[in-house]
Amino acid sequence: MNMGDADAAMDGQVDWLIAPDAFKGTLSAREVALALARGARDGGGEIEICPVADGGEGTLEILLRALGGRRVQTRVHDPMGRPLAASFGWVQGQSRAIVSSADASGLALVAAGERDAELASTLGTGELIAEAVAAGAPEVVVALGGSASTDGGAGAIEGIESRGGLGGARLTVLADVSTPFERAAEVFAPQKGADAAAVERLSRRLQEQAAGLPRDPRGVAMTGAAGGLAGGLWAMYGARLVPGAPWVLDTIGFDDRLRRARAVITGEGRLDSQTLAGKAVAEVARRCAAAGTPLHAVVGSCALSAAETAQLSFASVRVATDMEQLEAAGRALVGELSRR
């Protein structure tokens, strides 16, 4: 059995390619993949793990492992303005830096009782971008997802400008949703602690911000990612917006691994409407369907209807909520199919 990550290339065919996303706020994609693989080992056959991401939580870790990069530690501010040790990544020598908004502005950095969608800021993400530029990065890839804020990127712009600006550096933004700027509050702010009144205030604030930016992000797909951070970077700095899941899967060589696999196991913490709107699991499903490769899902929960789940063309769906259950799911799945 091969237990290498996506950067450990294999020759020949494998029986199982294990390619889950993170179980958000609980387990990283790598932890999920390793747990499934430990269970699957009892069924025999060749196994390769290939954790995936879509620009959200865990993207930096996955890209650094796949591309052989390294982290650079620096000091920034968390979503509530407190000092924070965070890092950006170097890949491909020092020709490209990677910044994850979750590392500086993520919801996981704020305790449940402290969450405030109106006060939370993307300042730290902007500071990370500026630090990467100051270190010589000609391009900064900004992975968005799991943010605590709905500030339309105002904090990030402040952070970039306060630390010297972008100079001539280019920004590429990986968005994990297609939501436009003006809908960021209504779609995402409730999960960040906003009640109905706060959502209304945030929506008004985003409208005012959009009107004051160098170009208007309203109506532009993906500008609502990370509480409008994508739109702020697009409008202020001309950032290139790309769907995160296809970009990450292409970068880690997913298609080559898929061609060698007899079957694939994917998963995420919760299958829901956002899964269908551009998340990593949906992109894995699309590629497996195109290749004619069976795809099985192991998820923390499923909020999709039967008809919606059918859009993903899973051969099976299992629920597992912790490491023990993930191992059991991997064992049961591989054992059941090997007996057929």
Protein backbone atom coordinates (compact mmCIF):
# COMPACT_ATOMS: atom_id res chain seq x y z
CA MET A 1 0.00 0.00 0.00
CA ASN A 2 1.27 3.46 -0.86
CA MET A 3 0.60 6.05 1.83
CA GLY A 4 2.25 9.00 0.11
CA ASP A 5 0.65 12.38 -0.33
CA ALA A 6 -0.10 13.97 -3.69
CA ASP A 7 3.54 14.96 -4.10
CA ALA A 8 4.62 11.30 -3.98
CA ALA A 9 4.12 10.26 -7.59
CA MET A 10 3.34 6.62 -8.34
CA ASP A 11 3.99 4.44 -11.33
CA GLY A 12 1.28 1.99 -12.35
CA GLN A 13 -2.30 1.59 -11.21
CA VAL A 14 -3.69 1.98 -7.70
CA ASP A 15 -6.89 0.48 -6.39
CA TRP A 16 -7.99 3.44 -4.28
CA LEU A 17 -7.25 7.14 -4.56
CA ILE A 18 -8.30 8.77 -1.28
CA ALA A 19 -8.99 12.46 -1.95
CA PRO A 20 -11.04 14.18 0.77
CA ASP A 21 -11.36 17.84 1.67
CA ALA A 22 -11.09 18.98 5.30
CA PHE A 23 -13.88 18.32 7.77
CA LYS A 24 -14.11 22.03 8.45
CA GLY A 25 -13.08 23.09 11.94
CA THR A 26 -12.52 19.48 13.00
CA LEU A 27 -10.04 17.52 10.88
CA SER A 28 -7.65 18.54 8.13
CA ALA A 29 -7.92 16.92 4.72
CA ARG A 30 -4.70 15.02 5.39
CA GLU A 31 -6.01 13.71 8.73
CA VAL A 32 -9.20 12.51 7.04
CA ALA A 33 -7.26 10.87 4.22
CA LEU A 34 -4.91 9.06 6.61
CA ALA A 35 -7.80 7.82 8.76
CA LEU A 36 -9.64 6.45 5.73
CA ALA A 37 -6.43 4.84 4.51
CA ARG A 38 -5.76 3.15 7.84
CA GLY A 39 -9.16 1.51 7.65
CA ALA A 40 -8.87 0.70 3.96
CA ARG A 41 -5.51 -1.05 4.42
CA ASP A 42 -7.38 -4.08 5.86
CA GLY A 43 -9.04 -4.56 2.49
CA GLY A 44 -5.72 -4.88 0.70
CA GLY A 45 -4.76 -3.34 -2.62
CA GLU A 46 -2.73 -0.27 -3.51
CA ILE A 47 -3.81 3.00 -1.89
CA GLU A 48 -2.66 6.55 -2.58
CA ILE A 49 -3.76 9.56 -0.57
CA CYS A 50 -4.29 12.91 -2.25
CA PRO A 51 -5.88 15.46 0.12
CA VAL A 52 -7.70 18.22 -1.77
CA ALA A 53 -8.91 21.77 -1.14
CA ASP A 54 -10.74 24.56 -2.92
CA GLY A 55 -9.03 27.67 -1.61
CA GLY A 56 -10.57 27.32 1.85
CA GLU A 57 -9.28 25.73 5.02
CA GLY A 58 -6.13 23.64 4.55
CA THR A 59 -5.24 24.90 1.08
CA LEU A 60 -1.82 26.23 2.11
CA GLU A 61 -0.81 22.97 3.76
CA ILE A 62 -1.87 20.91 0.74
CA LEU A 63 -0.06 23.13 -1.75
CA LEU A 64 3.13 23.23 0.28
CA ARG A 65 3.21 19.44 0.54
CA ALA A 66 2.45 18.96 -3.14
CA LEU A 67 4.91 21.55 -4.42
CA GLY A 68 7.67 21.13 -1.86
CA GLY A 69 7.31 24.64 -0.45
CA ARG A 70 8.13 26.14 2.93
CA ARG A 71 6.47 28.44 5.47
CA VAL A 72 7.67 31.89 6.51
CA GLN A 73 6.53 33.05 9.95
CA THR A 74 5.54 36.67 10.60
CA ARG A 75 3.42 38.76 12.97
CA VAL A 76 0.00 40.03 11.91
CA HIS A 77 -3.42 40.64 13.48
CA ASP A 78 -6.26 38.18 13.93
CA PRO A 79 -9.90 38.96 12.94
CA MET A 80 -10.48 40.84 16.20
CA GLY A 81 -7.29 42.90 15.94
CA ARG A 82 -5.17 40.89 18.36
CA PRO A 83 -1.49 40.07 17.65
CA LEU A 84 -1.09 36.75 15.87
CA ALA A 85 1.79 34.59 14.65
CA ALA A 86 0.92 33.48 11.13
CA SER A 87 2.75 32.38 8.01
CA PHE A 88 2.72 32.51 4.25
CA GLY A 89 4.23 29.91 1.96
CA TRP A 90 6.94 29.98 -0.69
CA VAL A 91 6.66 27.59 -3.64
CA GLN A 92 8.56 27.20 -6.90
CA GLY A 93 11.68 28.71 -5.36
CA GLN A 94 10.56 32.20 -4.46
CA SER A 95 8.65 32.92 -7.64
CA ARG A 96 5.25 32.54 -5.97
CA ALA A 97 3.96 33.09 -2.46
CA ILE A 98 0.76 31.57 -1.08
CA VAL A 99 -1.37 33.26 1.57
CA SER A 100 -4.36 31.58 3.22
CA SER A 101 -6.98 33.95 4.59
CA ALA A 102 -8.00 31.26 7.08
CA ASP A 103 -4.57 31.52 8.75
CA ALA A 104 -4.94 35.21 9.58
CA SER A 105 -8.65 36.01 9.26
CA GLY A 106 -10.29 32.64 9.81
CA LEU A 107 -13.40 31.90 11.82
CA ALA A 108 -11.50 29.16 13.66
CA LEU A 109 -9.31 31.88 15.23
CA VAL A 110 -12.29 33.35 17.09
CA ALA A 111 -14.04 31.56 19.95
CA ALA A 112 -17.75 31.00 19.46
CA GLY A 113 -18.66 33.56 22.11
CA GLU A 114 -16.41 36.22 20.55
CA ARG A 115 -17.71 36.05 17.00
CA ASP A 116 -18.82 39.39 15.59
CA ALA A 117 -19.35 39.53 11.84
CA GLU A 118 -19.47 43.34 11.91
CA LEU A 119 -16.25 43.94 13.84
CA ALA A 120 -14.16 41.10 12.42
CA SER A 121 -11.57 42.26 9.90
CA THR A 122 -9.35 40.87 7.14
CA LEU A 123 -6.49 43.14 8.27
CA GLY A 124 -4.20 40.18 8.98
CA THR A 125 -4.65 38.73 5.50
CA GLY A 126 -3.62 42.03 3.98
CA GLU A 127 -0.58 42.13 6.26
CA LEU A 128 0.42 38.61 5.16
CA ILE A 129 0.11 39.63 1.51
CA ALA A 130 2.25 42.71 2.12
CA GLU A 131 4.90 40.68 3.97
CA ALA A 132 5.14 38.26 1.04
CA VAL A 133 5.52 41.16 -1.39
CA ALA A 134 8.16 42.82 0.81
CA ALA A 135 10.07 39.51 0.82
CA GLY A 136 10.22 39.65 -2.97
CA ALA A 137 7.21 37.69 -4.24
CA PRO A 138 6.32 38.71 -7.81
CA GLU A 139 2.99 36.87 -7.47
CA VAL A 140 0.89 36.15 -4.40
CA VAL A 141 -1.81 33.47 -4.56
CA VAL A 142 -4.48 34.26 -1.96
CA ALA A 143 -6.56 31.24 -0.92
CA LEU A 144 -9.94 32.34 0.44
CA GLY A 145 -12.36 30.50 2.66
CA GLY A 146 -13.40 30.03 6.27
CA SER A 147 -13.19 33.74 7.08
CA ALA A 148 -14.61 35.37 10.21
CA SER A 149 -15.36 38.70 8.56
CA THR A 150 -17.71 40.37 6.12
CA ASP A 151 -15.69 43.54 5.62
CA GLY A 152 -15.52 43.52 1.83
CA GLY A 153 -11.74 43.39 2.00
CA ALA A 154 -11.48 46.80 3.69
CA GLY A 155 -9.20 45.43 6.40
CA ALA A 156 -6.97 43.65 3.88
CA ILE A 157 -6.59 46.83 1.84
CA GLU A 158 -5.61 48.69 5.01
CA GLY A 159 -3.09 45.98 5.89
CA ILE A 160 -1.51 46.01 2.43
CA GLU A 161 -1.22 49.78 2.29
CA SER A 162 0.10 50.10 5.86
CA ARG A 163 3.00 47.76 5.03
CA GLY A 164 4.12 49.29 1.77
CA GLY A 165 1.55 48.27 -0.84
CA LEU A 166 1.88 45.77 -3.65
CA GLY A 167 4.48 47.48 -5.81
CA GLY A 168 4.30 45.56 -9.06
CA ALA A 169 3.28 42.22 -7.53
CA ARG A 170 0.33 40.34 -9.01
CA LEU A 171 -2.52 38.83 -7.00
CA THR A 172 -4.32 35.61 -7.89
CA VAL A 173 -7.34 34.90 -5.70
CA LEU A 174 -8.65 31.36 -5.22
CA ALA A 175 -12.37 31.56 -4.49
CA ASP A 176 -14.32 28.65 -3.05
CA VAL A 177 -17.74 30.08 -3.98
CA SER A 178 -19.26 31.89 -6.96
CA THR A 179 -21.32 34.35 -4.84
CA PRO A 180 -21.11 38.01 -5.94
CA PHE A 181 -19.97 40.81 -3.62
CA GLU A 182 -23.38 42.25 -2.73
CA ARG A 183 -24.72 38.87 -1.51
CA ALA A 184 -21.79 38.03 0.78
CA ALA A 185 -23.58 39.14 3.95
CA GLU A 186 -26.89 37.36 3.38
CA VAL A 187 -25.21 34.12 2.28
CA PHE A 188 -22.30 33.86 4.72
CA ALA A 189 -22.63 36.30 7.64
CA PRO A 190 -25.13 34.19 9.65
CA GLN A 191 -22.54 31.43 10.08
CA LYS A 192 -20.14 34.09 11.39
CA GLY A 193 -22.46 35.20 14.18
CA ALA A 194 -24.68 37.77 12.44
CA ASP A 195 -28.39 37.94 13.20
CA ALA A 196 -30.94 39.28 10.71
CA ALA A 197 -30.40 42.92 11.71
CA ALA A 198 -26.63 42.56 11.44
CA VAL A 199 -26.97 40.96 8.00
CA GLU A 200 -29.00 43.97 6.85
CA ARG A 201 -26.38 46.41 8.19
CA LEU A 202 -23.55 44.45 6.62
CA SER A 203 -25.34 44.36 3.27
CA ARG A 204 -25.73 48.14 3.35
CA ARG A 205 -22.06 48.52 4.26
CA LEU A 206 -20.99 46.34 1.33
CA GLN A 207 -23.11 48.42 -1.04
CA GLU A 208 -21.44 51.61 0.23
CA GLN A 209 -17.98 50.08 -0.07
CA ALA A 210 -18.64 48.91 -3.62
CA ALA A 211 -19.62 52.41 -4.67
CA GLY A 212 -16.35 53.83 -3.31
CA LEU A 213 -13.92 51.31 -4.84
CA PRO A 214 -11.96 51.98 -8.07
CA ARG A 215 -14.18 49.49 -9.88
CA ASP A 216 -17.52 48.02 -8.87
CA PRO A 217 -17.45 44.36 -7.73
CA ARG A 218 -21.22 43.99 -7.56
CA GLY A 219 -22.59 41.35 -9.89
CA VAL A 220 -19.17 39.83 -10.55
CA ALA A 221 -18.95 36.12 -9.83
CA MET A 222 -16.68 35.06 -6.93
CA THR A 223 -16.27 38.61 -5.54
CA GLY A 224 -18.32 37.63 -2.47
CA ALA A 225 -15.81 34.99 -1.35
CA ALA A 226 -14.50 35.38 2.21
CA GLY A 227 -17.06 38.02 3.09
CA GLY A 228 -16.27 40.13 0.04
CA LEU A 229 -12.48 39.98 0.47
CA ALA A 230 -12.20 38.67 -3.09
CA GLY A 231 -14.15 41.65 -4.37
CA GLY A 232 -12.06 44.15 -2.46
CA LEU A 233 -8.81 42.74 -3.87
CA TRP A 234 -10.30 42.55 -7.37
CA ALA A 235 -11.60 46.11 -7.27
CA MET A 236 -8.58 47.75 -5.63
CA TYR A 237 -5.67 45.82 -7.12
CA GLY A 238 -7.00 44.08 -10.20
CA ALA A 239 -6.61 40.64 -8.61
CA ARG A 240 -7.29 37.71 -10.93
CA LEU A 241 -10.20 35.65 -9.59
CA VAL A 242 -10.14 31.91 -10.27
CA PRO A 243 -12.27 29.02 -8.96
CA GLY A 244 -10.19 27.50 -6.19
CA ALA A 245 -11.02 23.81 -6.57
CA PRO A 246 -9.99 23.41 -10.23
CA TRP A 247 -6.83 25.46 -9.64
CA VAL A 248 -5.77 23.38 -6.63
CA LEU A 249 -6.57 20.04 -8.27
CA ASP A 250 -4.64 21.01 -11.39
CA THR A 251 -1.69 22.23 -9.34
CA ILE A 252 -1.37 19.00 -7.30
CA GLY A 253 -1.69 16.79 -10.38
CA PHE A 254 -5.03 15.25 -9.47
CA ASP A 255 -5.92 14.16 -13.01
CA ASP A 256 -2.74 12.09 -13.39
CA ARG A 257 -3.55 10.28 -10.15
CA LEU A 258 -7.17 9.80 -11.17
CA ARG A 259 -6.11 8.11 -14.40
CA ARG A 260 -4.20 5.49 -12.39
CA ALA A 261 -7.01 4.79 -9.91
CA ARG A 262 -9.66 2.07 -10.10
CA ALA A 263 -11.89 3.98 -7.64
CA VAL A 264 -11.84 7.18 -5.57
CA ILE A 265 -12.94 8.05 -2.03
CA THR A 266 -13.67 11.69 -1.28
CA GLY A 267 -15.37 13.51 1.59
CA GLU A 268 -16.00 16.69 3.56
CA GLY A 269 -17.55 17.66 6.84
CA ARG A 270 -20.98 18.54 5.47
CA LEU A 271 -22.56 17.96 2.08
CA ASP A 272 -24.89 20.91 1.48
CA SER A 273 -25.86 23.50 -1.11
CA GLN A 274 -22.42 25.10 -0.91
CA THR A 275 -20.87 21.78 -1.99
CA LEU A 276 -22.65 22.15 -5.32
CA ALA A 277 -21.50 25.78 -5.69
CA GLY A 278 -17.83 25.13 -6.30
CA LYS A 279 -16.42 23.15 -3.38
CA ALA A 280 -13.60 20.64 -3.81
CA VAL A 281 -15.82 17.57 -3.48
CA ALA A 282 -17.99 18.72 -6.39
CA GLU A 283 -14.91 19.23 -8.55
CA VAL A 284 -13.61 15.77 -7.65
CA ALA A 285 -17.04 14.38 -8.54
CA ARG A 286 -17.06 16.18 -11.88
CA ARG A 287 -13.65 14.81 -12.84
CA CYS A 288 -14.47 11.28 -11.72
CA ALA A 289 -17.69 11.31 -13.74
CA ALA A 290 -15.82 12.54 -16.83
CA ALA A 291 -13.23 9.77 -16.38
CA GLY A 292 -15.83 7.08 -15.69
CA THR A 293 -14.18 6.28 -12.35
CA PRO A 294 -16.41 5.19 -9.42
CA LEU A 295 -16.51 7.76 -6.60
CA HIS A 296 -17.49 7.02 -3.01
CA ALA A 297 -18.07 9.70 -0.38
CA VAL A 298 -17.49 9.64 3.38
CA VAL A 299 -18.92 12.78 5.02
CA GLY A 300 -19.64 14.18 8.45
CA SER A 301 -23.26 14.90 7.54
CA CYS A 302 -25.47 15.31 4.48
CA ALA A 303 -28.00 18.12 4.11
CA LEU A 304 -28.64 17.51 0.42
CA SER A 305 -31.79 15.94 -0.92
CA ALA A 306 -31.59 12.68 -2.80
CA ALA A 307 -31.97 14.57 -6.08
CA GLU A 308 -29.18 17.00 -5.18
CA THR A 309 -26.88 14.20 -4.05
CA ALA A 310 -27.53 12.43 -7.35
CA GLN A 311 -25.97 15.41 -9.16
CA LEU A 312 -22.62 14.33 -7.71
CA SER A 313 -22.93 10.78 -9.10
CA PHE A 314 -21.59 9.08 -5.98
CA ALA A 315 -21.48 5.29 -6.06
CA SER A 316 -22.12 5.40 -2.29
CA VAL A 317 -22.29 7.84 0.62
CA ARG A 318 -21.28 7.00 4.19
CA VAL A 319 -21.40 9.18 7.32
CA ALA A 320 -18.46 9.36 9.75
CA THR A 321 -17.94 12.03 12.39
CA ASP A 322 -14.59 11.18 14.04
CA MET A 323 -11.31 9.37 13.38
CA GLU A 324 -12.60 6.01 14.59
CA GLN A 325 -15.66 6.20 12.37
CA LEU A 326 -13.55 7.32 9.40
CA GLU A 327 -11.31 4.28 9.81
CA ALA A 328 -14.37 2.04 10.08
CA ALA A 329 -15.86 3.62 6.95
CA GLY A 330 -12.67 3.03 4.97
CA ARG A 331 -12.51 -0.56 6.20
CA ALA A 332 -16.17 -1.26 5.41
CA LEU A 333 -16.07 0.40 1.99
CA VAL A 334 -12.98 -1.40 0.72
CA GLY A 335 -13.99 -4.70 2.32
CA GLU A 336 -17.48 -4.62 0.85
CA LEU A 337 -16.33 -3.80 -2.66
CA SER A 338 -13.47 -6.31 -2.61
CA ARG A 339 -15.99 -9.10 -1.94
CA ARG A 340 -18.04 -8.29 -5.01
